[in-house]
Amino acid sequence: GLVGSEMCIRDRNKACALPEGGWGLINNPTIYWLESETATRLGTEWEIGADDKAIGKQYIQSKMGATATDVPPGVNGRATFEFNVTSDDEFNIWGKVQAWSADADAFWYSVDNEPFRKWDGLEDDIFQWKWNKFHFSEGSVNRPFTYFLSAGMHTITMAYAEAGTKLDRLAIASTSLFPAQTDPDVLRANPVLDYEAENAVLLGTAAAVT
């Protein structure tokens, strides 16, 4: 896979060449789905959990509160997924995630054995499960990426970063498609709503006390 705007294909041997006929000439948008609990290789520092609202009613998270916020963990803290792309295309990669606090909202990821990138800032406590597009978190900046993938086998490797961040499934989607259109985000039944009174819209006689 290739990240960014370079218009070439990088295969699993890291060879880079222009696609025959150019990108976007095949009108065959596709989504490839990967279930987290059926990873090709699931390291021993991950555990499979149960949730009726997850697809397949299962998800993965780090075991025993394991964290790796500064550098990715070793092989036991990684989950590797292999998938076959049928046609050259430009893709977004998405994860359906549960992340209810700023201290539990990050993973690491690598596509086709490229260097790991931090995927942070996933917090959203309104949702039980929510689709998030892969991005690279660098300081306070989240940099989006698309991937140009050639036809053939590819890999995505996930690694835990912050304990409590949960992964239901992955979607590799042509850039014109959005996984939530097929598999919608799931709202929490009883979300914790935290609002500041002084930010309320005044509807009657009231005053903010400071």
Protein backbone atom coordinates (compact mmCIF):
# COMPACT_ATOMS: atom_id res chain seq x y z
CA GLY A 1 0.00 0.00 0.00
CA LEU A 2 1.05 3.58 -0.51
CA VAL A 3 0.17 6.52 1.68
CA GLY A 4 -0.38 10.06 0.48
CA SER A 5 -0.56 11.59 -2.96
CA GLU A 6 2.11 9.67 -4.92
CA MET A 7 0.31 8.11 -7.86
CA CYS A 8 1.92 4.69 -7.93
CA ILE A 9 1.35 1.18 -6.63
CA ARG A 10 3.61 -0.30 -3.99
CA ASP A 11 3.31 -4.07 -3.77
CA ARG A 12 4.32 -6.21 -0.80
CA ASN A 13 7.91 -6.30 -2.10
CA LYS A 14 7.98 -2.48 -1.83
CA ALA A 15 8.35 -2.07 -5.61
CA CYS A 16 6.63 1.10 -6.79
CA ALA A 17 5.24 1.50 -10.31
CA LEU A 18 2.54 3.52 -12.05
CA PRO A 19 -0.72 1.58 -12.46
CA GLU A 20 -1.61 0.62 -16.01
CA GLY A 21 -4.22 3.05 -17.31
CA GLY A 22 -4.04 5.25 -14.20
CA TRP A 23 -6.16 5.33 -11.06
CA GLY A 24 -9.92 5.55 -10.94
CA LEU A 25 -10.66 4.13 -14.40
CA ILE A 26 -12.32 0.99 -13.03
CA ASN A 27 -15.76 1.89 -11.73
CA ASN A 28 -16.01 -0.92 -9.21
CA PRO A 29 -16.08 0.58 -5.70
CA THR A 30 -15.71 -2.06 -3.01
CA ILE A 31 -15.60 -2.51 0.75
CA TYR A 32 -13.57 -5.34 2.28
CA TRP A 33 -14.66 -6.24 5.83
CA LEU A 34 -12.35 -7.72 8.50
CA GLU A 35 -13.67 -8.95 11.86
CA SER A 36 -11.31 -8.21 14.73
CA GLU A 37 -11.81 -11.53 16.52
CA THR A 38 -10.87 -13.48 13.38
CA ALA A 39 -7.48 -11.82 12.89
CA THR A 40 -4.98 -13.88 10.93
CA ARG A 41 -2.63 -13.62 13.92
CA LEU A 42 -3.79 -12.35 17.32
CA GLY A 43 -1.03 -11.72 19.86
CA THR A 44 -1.29 -13.13 23.36
CA GLU A 45 -1.60 -9.63 24.89
CA TRP A 46 -5.03 -9.17 23.26
CA GLU A 47 -8.30 -10.58 24.54
CA ILE A 48 -11.65 -11.20 22.85
CA GLY A 49 -14.65 -9.62 24.58
CA ALA A 50 -18.41 -10.01 24.13
CA ASP A 51 -20.90 -7.29 23.18
CA ASP A 52 -24.32 -7.90 21.65
CA LYS A 53 -24.03 -4.64 19.72
CA ALA A 54 -20.79 -5.61 18.00
CA ILE A 55 -20.89 -7.37 14.64
CA GLY A 56 -20.48 -11.05 15.44
CA LYS A 57 -21.06 -10.04 19.09
CA GLN A 58 -17.29 -9.92 19.73
CA TYR A 59 -14.45 -7.38 19.78
CA ILE A 60 -10.78 -7.20 20.80
CA GLN A 61 -8.90 -5.06 23.31
CA SER A 62 -5.58 -5.22 25.13
CA LYS A 63 -5.41 -7.74 27.95
CA MET A 64 -5.05 -6.79 31.63
CA GLY A 65 -4.97 -3.05 30.91
CA ALA A 66 -1.82 -3.23 28.77
CA THR A 67 -0.74 0.10 27.27
CA ALA A 68 1.95 1.26 24.84
CA THR A 69 1.50 4.98 24.35
CA ASP A 70 5.03 5.96 23.26
CA VAL A 71 6.09 3.10 20.96
CA PRO A 72 4.13 0.14 19.56
CA PRO A 73 4.26 -3.10 21.56
CA GLY A 74 6.08 -6.21 20.39
CA VAL A 75 4.59 -9.06 18.39
CA ASN A 76 2.41 -10.29 21.28
CA GLY A 77 0.64 -6.93 21.34
CA ARG A 78 -0.25 -6.99 17.65
CA ALA A 79 -3.20 -8.26 15.62
CA THR A 80 -2.50 -8.93 11.94
CA PHE A 81 -5.17 -9.10 9.23
CA GLU A 82 -4.59 -10.37 5.71
CA PHE A 83 -6.98 -9.54 2.88
CA ASN A 84 -7.15 -9.81 -0.90
CA VAL A 85 -7.83 -6.78 -3.11
CA THR A 86 -9.42 -7.72 -6.44
CA SER A 87 -8.69 -4.48 -8.37
CA ASP A 88 -6.21 -1.62 -8.05
CA ASP A 89 -7.93 1.27 -6.28
CA GLU A 90 -7.61 4.14 -3.82
CA PHE A 91 -8.98 3.23 -0.39
CA ASN A 92 -9.77 4.69 3.00
CA ILE A 93 -9.28 2.32 5.91
CA TRP A 94 -11.77 2.51 8.78
CA GLY A 95 -12.14 0.93 12.19
CA LYS A 96 -15.35 0.48 14.17
CA VAL A 97 -14.22 1.52 17.63
CA GLN A 98 -15.47 1.96 21.18
CA ALA A 99 -13.59 4.76 22.96
CA TRP A 100 -15.35 6.43 25.87
CA SER A 101 -12.57 8.55 27.35
CA ALA A 102 -9.49 10.49 26.27
CA ASP A 103 -7.33 7.98 28.18
CA ALA A 104 -8.75 5.04 26.23
CA ASP A 105 -9.00 6.15 22.61
CA ALA A 106 -5.88 5.11 20.69
CA PHE A 107 -4.32 2.29 18.67
CA TRP A 108 -1.25 1.89 16.49
CA TYR A 109 -1.59 0.65 12.90
CA SER A 110 0.62 -0.42 10.01
CA VAL A 111 -0.38 -1.21 6.41
CA ASP A 112 1.78 -3.65 4.43
CA ASN A 113 4.56 -3.56 7.03
CA GLU A 114 5.11 0.19 6.81
CA PRO A 115 6.21 1.95 10.03
CA PHE A 116 3.50 2.08 12.70
CA ARG A 117 1.44 5.25 13.00
CA LYS A 118 -0.42 6.44 16.09
CA TRP A 119 -4.22 6.54 15.69
CA ASP A 120 -5.39 8.73 18.55
CA GLY A 121 -8.25 11.08 19.43
CA LEU A 122 -10.98 8.48 18.88
CA GLU A 123 -13.00 9.41 21.98
CA ASP A 124 -16.77 9.65 21.53
CA ASP A 125 -18.83 8.58 24.54
CA ILE A 126 -22.16 8.98 22.73
CA PHE A 127 -21.55 5.85 20.66
CA GLN A 128 -21.33 2.19 21.62
CA TRP A 129 -19.50 1.59 18.33
CA LYS A 130 -18.45 4.22 15.82
CA TRP A 131 -16.58 4.16 12.51
CA ASN A 132 -13.35 6.19 12.44
CA LYS A 133 -11.08 6.67 9.45
CA PHE A 134 -7.39 5.86 9.84
CA HIS A 135 -5.32 8.98 10.46
CA PHE A 136 -1.88 9.74 11.87
CA SER A 137 -1.89 11.57 15.19
CA GLU A 138 1.19 13.80 15.41
CA GLY A 139 1.05 16.03 18.45
CA SER A 140 -2.25 17.91 18.30
CA VAL A 141 -2.63 17.33 14.54
CA ASN A 142 -4.50 14.40 12.96
CA ARG A 143 -3.29 13.82 9.40
CA PRO A 144 -5.66 11.83 7.14
CA PHE A 145 -4.36 9.28 4.65
CA THR A 146 -5.65 7.32 1.70
CA TYR A 147 -4.03 4.13 0.47
CA PHE A 148 -3.40 3.11 -3.11
CA LEU A 149 -3.55 -0.69 -3.05
CA SER A 150 -2.73 -2.98 -5.94
CA ALA A 151 -4.69 -6.14 -6.70
CA GLY A 152 -3.44 -8.99 -4.51
CA MET A 153 -2.79 -9.75 -0.85
CA HIS A 154 -2.21 -7.02 1.73
CA THR A 155 -1.90 -6.79 5.51
CA ILE A 156 -3.07 -4.47 8.25
CA THR A 157 -1.41 -4.78 11.65
CA MET A 158 -3.11 -3.26 14.67
CA ALA A 159 -1.33 -2.75 17.98
CA TYR A 160 -2.78 -1.55 21.26
CA ALA A 161 -1.85 1.92 22.55
CA GLU A 162 -4.29 2.85 25.33
CA ALA A 163 -6.03 0.27 27.50
CA GLY A 164 -9.79 0.15 27.18
CA THR A 165 -9.93 1.07 23.48
CA LYS A 166 -11.98 -1.62 21.74
CA LEU A 167 -12.07 -2.69 18.10
CA ASP A 168 -15.08 -4.40 16.51
CA ARG A 169 -14.05 -4.60 12.85
CA LEU A 170 -12.10 -2.97 10.02
CA ALA A 171 -13.28 -1.81 6.60
CA ILE A 172 -11.10 -1.15 3.55
CA ALA A 173 -13.37 1.03 1.43
CA SER A 174 -13.01 2.66 -1.97
CA THR A 175 -12.93 6.39 -1.34
CA SER A 176 -16.46 6.87 -2.70
CA LEU A 177 -17.92 4.50 -0.08
CA PHE A 178 -18.56 4.83 3.65
CA PRO A 179 -18.89 1.73 5.86
CA ALA A 180 -21.52 3.35 8.12
CA GLN A 181 -23.92 3.38 5.17
CA THR A 182 -23.95 -0.43 5.28
CA ASP A 183 -23.10 -1.04 8.95
CA PRO A 184 -24.36 1.99 10.92
CA ASP A 185 -22.72 3.48 13.99
CA VAL A 186 -24.35 2.27 17.23
CA LEU A 187 -25.51 4.79 19.82
CA ARG A 188 -25.15 3.97 23.52
CA ALA A 189 -28.40 3.12 25.27
CA ASN A 190 -27.62 5.45 28.21
CA PRO A 191 -24.78 7.79 27.27
CA VAL A 192 -23.19 9.94 29.95
CA LEU A 193 -23.97 13.53 28.98
CA ASP A 194 -21.68 16.11 30.53
CA TYR A 195 -22.54 19.76 29.85
CA GLU A 196 -21.45 22.96 31.53
CA ALA A 197 -24.38 25.03 32.87
CA GLU A 198 -22.79 28.32 31.83
CA ASN A 199 -22.81 27.15 28.19
CA ALA A 200 -26.57 26.53 28.18
CA VAL A 201 -28.98 28.43 25.97
CA LEU A 202 -31.15 30.69 28.16
CA LEU A 203 -34.82 29.69 27.83
CA GLY A 204 -36.26 31.40 30.89
CA THR A 205 -35.22 33.40 33.91
CA ALA A 206 -31.87 31.97 34.99
CA ALA A 207 -28.29 32.99 35.64
CA ALA A 208 -24.92 31.25 35.54
CA VAL A 209 -23.28 31.13 38.97
CA THR A 210 -19.48 31.30 39.03
